Amino acid sequence: MEQGRRKLLASGVAVAAATCAAPAIAQGKRELKLVLGWPRNAPGNGTSVERFAKNVAQATDGRITFRIYGANELVPPLGMFDAVSKGAVDVAHSTAYYWTGKSKAYNFFSTVPFGMLPMEHFAWLTYGGGQQLWDELNAPHDLKCLPVNQTGAQMGGWFRKEVASLGDMKGLKVRYPGFGGEIMKALGATPVLMPLGEVFPAMQSGALDAAELATPWFDMGYGLYKVAKFYYSPGFHEPGHTLELMFNKKVWDSLSPADQETIRLAAQAQILQSEAEVIANDPAALDQLTGKFGVALKAFPDDILRAMQKAASEIIPAAVADDPLARKIYESYAGFQKSVLKRGLLMPGAVWRMRQLG
């Protein structure tokens, strides 16, 4: 009988322990609302953030998960900054040049015309003081941002009609965000800030004459080859494009240092993997665009490129002149870019020239 009572007691303790443990495990789990500036599973941006979320969930044994909402499912893309800042959502996957209405300095944390290539930009963020400046810029808005993926150097954009000279740019309605849009304005075009999902219908209706998206594989997913047949390079406006994870600062601070580092490393992994994905998929996409869909690959004429570069050299410094923090960020960015130029020409640039000899 005594042995039976001991078994019953042991059984009761085990049940009680299991009952108590379950809420503790549940309370330790976090599901964060993550809103996107593009449709779910869109090539590049969408696929990368899905991998990021999966990797964090696996690395934390499911303690931290993300409930992902595509563009406009919960928040409109251009409303994400305020939604995250105010705590209406926990985190957004976005691009910092959408927030130039808050400060022109946000351009430098996504991409700048005639600016740094992808790995140069990541080097500035990681080793050149860029991340600390980003944190300083975001502090008044209760935000914490991390670089999460990279499109690589981009194409120059889709045009409904051929642009053979500088005069052909005048009067065009174009989708070029950030400083790229301001440069197009200096050339006589009218820039329109528009989320990715709205570009196709605008091109189809004639509300837009031209639009930049990203790279061939990425762009195919948006179908612009159906409404524009002239595809230009180089991507003067986006020599590399870093995308961001934008956390509400209180949410970020509520995570343990170990979980913050897990998220940071998972985001950094996507910088490498996302650009590799683009490089692997672009060649077949180019073949399909030019072969099956009759797209004409074009290079911007030299007079247009010279005018773009001249406009950039005037517009970018002037945009930050009256804002001490923006000017400090610009000087840091420009100084780092200048410091890596010789290396770039001496090694990666020389390799590209060498490969063309064959």
Foldseek 3Di string as FASTA:
>chain_A
DVVVVVVVVVVVVVVVVVVVVVVVLVVQADEFEEEELAAAPQAQQRVLVVQLQVQLCVVVVNRYGYDYDYAPRQAHNLCVLLCQLVPVGFKYWFAQLSVCVVPLLSCLLWFAFVADWLVLSVCCCPPLCVQVLVCVSCVVSQKHKAFFAKLTFFWQWFFQDDDPALVVLAAFEEADTRVRQVLSVLSHYHYDDDGPQCPQVCLQVVVGGMYTDGALVSVVSNPCLVRTQETEDDNSGGNMTTIMMMGRNVSLVVDDPVSNVSSNVSRVVNHVVSNVSNVVPRVVSVCCSCPVSPHDYYYPDPNSVVSSVVSSVPPQCVRCVVPVSSNVSVCSRVVSRVVCVVVCCVPVVVVVVVVVVD
